[in-house]
């Protein structure tokens, strides 16, 4: 899992963690063990993969309006500025970004 595409492909292949036994926030190691992840679990897993390969990702919390669900993603710094430029055109998202280093 050494490229963003490979990480995304891996996360797309594993089942979504619907938290049927109660709320979870699996660590990246537990994501591998349980073979499932929800939004923030996938974002933290991706951030750790990036960091393992000496890249410095940001974890971004995308806040929404009441009519939508929040989302968390892991991105690389160049991509974050493109995302901010794109999504700031929409009034339904606001961002909180944390550099993961």
N, C-alpha and C. Protein backbone atom coordinates (compact mmCIF):
# COMPACT_ATOMS: atom_id res chain seq x y z
N UNK A 1 0.85 -1.19 0.00
CA UNK A 1 0.00 0.00 0.00
C UNK A 1 0.89 1.25 0.00
N UNK A 2 1.56 1.45 -1.11
CA UNK A 2 2.55 2.53 -1.17
C UNK A 2 2.14 3.69 -2.07
N UNK A 3 0.91 3.69 -2.57
CA UNK A 3 0.42 4.84 -3.35
C UNK A 3 -1.00 5.16 -2.87
N UNK A 4 -1.43 6.40 -3.07
CA UNK A 4 -2.81 6.74 -2.70
C UNK A 4 -3.84 5.83 -3.37
N UNK A 5 -3.62 5.48 -4.63
CA UNK A 5 -4.57 4.62 -5.34
C UNK A 5 -4.64 3.23 -4.72
N UNK A 6 -3.50 2.66 -4.35
CA UNK A 6 -3.50 1.32 -3.73
C UNK A 6 -4.19 1.34 -2.38
N UNK A 7 -3.97 2.42 -1.62
CA UNK A 7 -4.63 2.55 -0.31
C UNK A 7 -6.15 2.65 -0.51
N UNK A 8 -6.57 3.49 -1.44
CA UNK A 8 -8.00 3.65 -1.70
C UNK A 8 -8.61 2.35 -2.20
N UNK A 9 -7.92 1.65 -3.08
CA UNK A 9 -8.43 0.36 -3.57
C UNK A 9 -8.60 -0.63 -2.43
N UNK A 10 -7.63 -0.68 -1.51
CA UNK A 10 -7.74 -1.57 -0.36
C UNK A 10 -8.97 -1.22 0.47
N UNK A 11 -9.13 0.07 0.78
CA UNK A 11 -10.27 0.48 1.61
C UNK A 11 -11.60 0.23 0.91
N UNK A 12 -11.61 0.35 -0.41
CA UNK A 12 -12.85 0.08 -1.16
C UNK A 12 -13.22 -1.40 -1.13
N UNK A 13 -12.23 -2.27 -0.99
CA UNK A 13 -12.48 -3.72 -1.02
C UNK A 13 -12.95 -4.28 0.32
N UNK A 14 -12.60 -3.64 1.43
CA UNK A 14 -13.01 -4.18 2.72
C UNK A 14 -14.41 -3.67 3.06
N UNK A 15 -15.16 -4.44 3.86
CA UNK A 15 -16.52 -4.01 4.22
C UNK A 15 -16.52 -2.74 5.08
N UNK A 16 -17.63 -2.04 5.02
CA UNK A 16 -17.82 -0.86 5.87
C UNK A 16 -18.12 -1.33 7.29
N UNK A 17 -17.54 -0.68 8.26
CA UNK A 17 -17.82 -0.97 9.67
C UNK A 17 -19.08 -0.20 10.06
N UNK A 18 -20.19 -0.90 10.16
CA UNK A 18 -21.46 -0.27 10.54
C UNK A 18 -21.65 -0.19 12.05
N UNK A 19 -20.61 -0.55 12.82
CA UNK A 19 -20.62 -0.45 14.28
C UNK A 19 -21.83 -1.17 14.89
N UNK A 20 -22.10 -2.38 14.42
CA UNK A 20 -23.27 -3.11 14.89
C UNK A 20 -23.20 -3.46 16.38
N UNK A 21 -21.99 -3.54 16.94
CA UNK A 21 -21.85 -3.86 18.36
C UNK A 21 -21.66 -2.62 19.22
N UNK A 22 -21.84 -1.44 18.65
CA UNK A 22 -21.61 -0.18 19.36
C UNK A 22 -20.55 0.64 18.65
N UNK A 23 -20.39 1.87 19.08
CA UNK A 23 -19.44 2.78 18.44
C UNK A 23 -18.02 2.25 18.51
N UNK A 24 -17.28 2.47 17.43
CA UNK A 24 -15.88 2.05 17.36
C UNK A 24 -15.02 3.16 16.80
N UNK A 25 -13.75 3.06 17.05
CA UNK A 25 -12.75 3.89 16.37
C UNK A 25 -11.50 3.00 16.29
N UNK A 26 -11.53 2.06 15.33
CA UNK A 26 -10.46 1.09 15.20
C UNK A 26 -9.13 1.76 14.85
N UNK A 27 -8.08 1.26 15.44
CA UNK A 27 -6.73 1.66 15.05
C UNK A 27 -6.43 1.05 13.69
N UNK A 28 -5.41 1.54 12.99
CA UNK A 28 -5.05 0.93 11.70
C UNK A 28 -4.76 -0.57 11.83
N UNK A 29 -4.13 -0.98 12.91
CA UNK A 29 -3.87 -2.40 13.10
C UNK A 29 -5.17 -3.19 13.26
N UNK A 30 -6.14 -2.62 13.97
CA UNK A 30 -7.42 -3.30 14.15
C UNK A 30 -8.22 -3.32 12.86
N UNK A 31 -8.07 -2.29 12.01
CA UNK A 31 -8.71 -2.31 10.69
C UNK A 31 -8.24 -3.54 9.91
N UNK A 32 -6.94 -3.82 9.97
CA UNK A 32 -6.41 -5.00 9.29
C UNK A 32 -6.92 -6.29 9.92
N UNK A 33 -6.97 -6.31 11.24
CA UNK A 33 -7.41 -7.52 11.94
C UNK A 33 -8.89 -7.80 11.72
N UNK A 34 -9.73 -6.76 11.84
CA UNK A 34 -11.18 -6.93 11.71
C UNK A 34 -11.63 -6.90 10.25
N UNK A 35 -10.76 -6.40 9.37
CA UNK A 35 -11.04 -6.31 7.94
C UNK A 35 -12.30 -5.49 7.65
N UNK A 36 -12.44 -4.37 8.33
CA UNK A 36 -13.53 -3.44 8.05
C UNK A 36 -13.17 -2.08 8.63
N UNK A 37 -13.79 -1.05 8.09
CA UNK A 37 -13.51 0.31 8.56
C UNK A 37 -14.65 1.24 8.19
N UNK A 38 -14.89 2.23 9.03
CA UNK A 38 -15.78 3.32 8.63
C UNK A 38 -14.92 4.54 8.34
N UNK A 39 -15.55 5.64 8.18
CA UNK A 39 -14.92 6.86 7.69
C UNK A 39 -13.61 7.23 8.39
N UNK A 40 -13.65 7.53 9.67
CA UNK A 40 -12.43 7.99 10.36
C UNK A 40 -11.42 6.86 10.49
N UNK A 41 -11.89 5.63 10.61
CA UNK A 41 -10.97 4.50 10.69
C UNK A 41 -10.19 4.35 9.39
N UNK A 42 -10.88 4.53 8.27
CA UNK A 42 -10.21 4.48 6.97
C UNK A 42 -9.25 5.64 6.78
N UNK A 43 -9.65 6.83 7.24
CA UNK A 43 -8.78 8.00 7.11
C UNK A 43 -7.50 7.83 7.94
N UNK A 44 -7.63 7.35 9.17
CA UNK A 44 -6.45 7.13 10.00
C UNK A 44 -5.57 6.02 9.44
N UNK A 45 -6.20 4.96 8.89
CA UNK A 45 -5.45 3.89 8.26
C UNK A 45 -4.63 4.45 7.09
N UNK A 46 -5.27 5.25 6.24
CA UNK A 46 -4.57 5.84 5.10
C UNK A 46 -3.44 6.76 5.56
N UNK A 47 -3.69 7.55 6.60
CA UNK A 47 -2.66 8.46 7.11
C UNK A 47 -1.43 7.69 7.59
N UNK A 48 -1.66 6.58 8.27
CA UNK A 48 -0.54 5.76 8.75
C UNK A 48 0.22 5.15 7.57
N UNK A 49 -0.50 4.70 6.55
CA UNK A 49 0.17 4.16 5.36
C UNK A 49 1.03 5.23 4.69
N UNK A 50 0.48 6.44 4.55
CA UNK A 50 1.27 7.53 3.97
C UNK A 50 2.51 7.79 4.81
N UNK A 51 2.32 7.87 6.12
CA UNK A 51 3.43 8.19 7.03
C UNK A 51 4.50 7.10 7.00
N UNK A 52 4.08 5.85 6.90
CA UNK A 52 5.02 4.73 6.81
C UNK A 52 5.94 4.89 5.60
N UNK A 53 5.40 5.48 4.54
CA UNK A 53 6.18 5.68 3.32
C UNK A 53 6.76 7.11 3.25
N UNK A 54 6.99 7.70 4.42
CA UNK A 54 7.65 9.01 4.56
C UNK A 54 6.90 10.17 3.90
N UNK A 55 5.58 10.04 3.80
CA UNK A 55 4.77 11.15 3.30
C UNK A 55 4.07 11.76 4.50
N UNK A 56 3.77 13.02 4.45
CA UNK A 56 3.16 13.71 5.60
C UNK A 56 1.71 14.10 5.27
N UNK A 57 0.78 13.20 5.59
CA UNK A 57 -0.63 13.47 5.26
C UNK A 57 -1.29 14.43 6.24
N UNK A 58 -2.40 14.95 5.82
CA UNK A 58 -3.30 15.70 6.69
C UNK A 58 -4.57 14.88 6.83
N UNK A 59 -5.12 14.88 8.03
CA UNK A 59 -6.43 14.27 8.25
C UNK A 59 -7.43 15.42 8.26
N UNK A 60 -8.42 15.33 7.39
CA UNK A 60 -9.36 16.43 7.18
C UNK A 60 -10.76 16.00 7.60
N UNK A 61 -11.36 16.77 8.50
CA UNK A 61 -12.75 16.56 8.93
C UNK A 61 -13.62 17.51 8.12
N UNK A 62 -14.48 16.96 7.30
CA UNK A 62 -15.35 17.76 6.45
C UNK A 62 -16.70 17.93 7.16
N UNK A 63 -16.91 19.08 7.76
CA UNK A 63 -18.18 19.37 8.44
C UNK A 63 -19.23 19.70 7.39
N UNK A 64 -20.47 19.33 7.69
CA UNK A 64 -21.56 19.56 6.73
C UNK A 64 -22.74 20.25 7.39
N UNK A 65 -23.76 20.44 6.61
CA UNK A 65 -25.01 20.97 7.14
C UNK A 65 -25.77 19.83 7.82
N UNK A 66 -26.87 20.12 8.43
CA UNK A 66 -27.68 19.10 9.11
C UNK A 66 -28.20 18.05 8.15
N UNK A 67 -28.29 18.38 6.89
CA UNK A 67 -28.88 17.49 5.90
C UNK A 67 -27.91 16.45 5.35
N UNK A 68 -26.68 16.46 5.80
CA UNK A 68 -25.66 15.58 5.24
C UNK A 68 -24.85 14.95 6.37
N UNK A 69 -24.00 13.99 6.04
CA UNK A 69 -23.13 13.35 7.01
C UNK A 69 -21.73 13.93 6.91
N UNK A 70 -21.08 14.10 8.06
CA UNK A 70 -19.68 14.53 8.05
C UNK A 70 -18.83 13.43 7.47
N UNK A 71 -17.64 13.80 7.00
CA UNK A 71 -16.74 12.82 6.43
C UNK A 71 -15.32 13.19 6.83
N UNK A 72 -14.47 12.18 6.99
CA UNK A 72 -13.07 12.39 7.34
C UNK A 72 -12.22 11.72 6.27
N UNK A 73 -11.20 12.42 5.81
CA UNK A 73 -10.32 11.88 4.78
C UNK A 73 -8.86 12.14 5.15
N UNK A 74 -7.96 11.37 4.58
CA UNK A 74 -6.52 11.61 4.71
C UNK A 74 -6.03 12.04 3.34
N UNK A 75 -5.33 13.14 3.30
CA UNK A 75 -4.82 13.65 2.02
C UNK A 75 -3.38 14.10 2.17
N UNK A 76 -2.73 14.23 1.04
CA UNK A 76 -1.37 14.77 1.03
C UNK A 76 -1.47 16.28 0.83
N UNK A 77 -0.52 17.07 1.33
CA UNK A 77 -0.63 18.53 1.32
C UNK A 77 -1.00 19.18 -0.01
N UNK A 78 -0.45 18.74 -1.12
CA UNK A 78 -0.80 19.34 -2.41
C UNK A 78 -2.28 19.14 -2.70
N UNK A 79 -2.78 17.97 -2.40
CA UNK A 79 -4.18 17.65 -2.69
C UNK A 79 -5.12 18.46 -1.80
N UNK A 80 -4.72 18.75 -0.57
CA UNK A 80 -5.61 19.49 0.34
C UNK A 80 -5.98 20.85 -0.21
N UNK A 81 -5.04 21.53 -0.82
CA UNK A 81 -5.35 22.85 -1.36
C UNK A 81 -6.29 22.76 -2.56
N UNK A 82 -6.17 21.71 -3.36
CA UNK A 82 -7.10 21.50 -4.46
C UNK A 82 -8.49 21.19 -3.93
N UNK A 83 -8.56 20.35 -2.88
CA UNK A 83 -9.86 20.02 -2.28
C UNK A 83 -10.52 21.26 -1.68
N UNK A 84 -9.74 22.04 -0.97
CA UNK A 84 -10.30 23.25 -0.35
C UNK A 84 -10.84 24.19 -1.41
N UNK A 85 -10.10 24.34 -2.48
CA UNK A 85 -10.55 25.22 -3.56
C UNK A 85 -11.84 24.70 -4.18
N UNK A 86 -11.92 23.38 -4.37
CA UNK A 86 -13.10 22.80 -4.99
C UNK A 86 -14.31 22.85 -4.05
N UNK A 87 -14.15 22.36 -2.82
CA UNK A 87 -15.29 22.24 -1.92
C UNK A 87 -15.71 23.56 -1.31
N UNK A 88 -14.85 24.54 -1.25
CA UNK A 88 -15.26 25.83 -0.72
C UNK A 88 -16.25 26.53 -1.66
N UNK A 89 -16.35 26.01 -2.87
CA UNK A 89 -17.36 26.53 -3.78
C UNK A 89 -18.75 26.09 -3.34
N UNK A 90 -18.81 25.04 -2.55
CA UNK A 90 -20.08 24.52 -2.04
C UNK A 90 -20.28 25.00 -0.61
N UNK A 91 -21.45 25.51 -0.30
CA UNK A 91 -21.68 26.03 1.05
C UNK A 91 -21.99 24.93 2.05
N UNK A 92 -22.11 23.67 1.60
CA UNK A 92 -22.49 22.61 2.53
C UNK A 92 -21.31 22.01 3.28
N UNK A 93 -20.08 22.39 2.94
CA UNK A 93 -18.90 21.83 3.61
C UNK A 93 -18.07 22.93 4.27
N UNK A 94 -17.55 22.60 5.45
CA UNK A 94 -16.49 23.41 6.03
C UNK A 94 -15.43 22.43 6.49
N UNK A 95 -14.19 22.86 6.62
CA UNK A 95 -13.09 21.94 6.85
C UNK A 95 -12.37 22.21 8.15
N UNK A 96 -11.89 21.13 8.73
CA UNK A 96 -10.96 21.20 9.84
C UNK A 96 -9.85 20.23 9.48
N UNK A 97 -8.64 20.72 9.29
CA UNK A 97 -7.53 19.87 8.86
C UNK A 97 -6.47 19.81 9.92
N UNK A 98 -5.91 18.62 10.10
CA UNK A 98 -4.83 18.40 11.06
C UNK A 98 -3.68 17.74 10.32
N UNK A 99 -2.51 18.33 10.43
CA UNK A 99 -1.33 17.71 9.82
C UNK A 99 -0.92 16.54 10.68
N UNK A 100 -0.82 15.36 10.09
CA UNK A 100 -0.45 14.13 10.80
C UNK A 100 1.03 13.88 10.57
N UNK A 101 1.86 14.10 11.62
CA UNK A 101 3.31 13.91 11.39
C UNK A 101 3.96 13.14 12.51
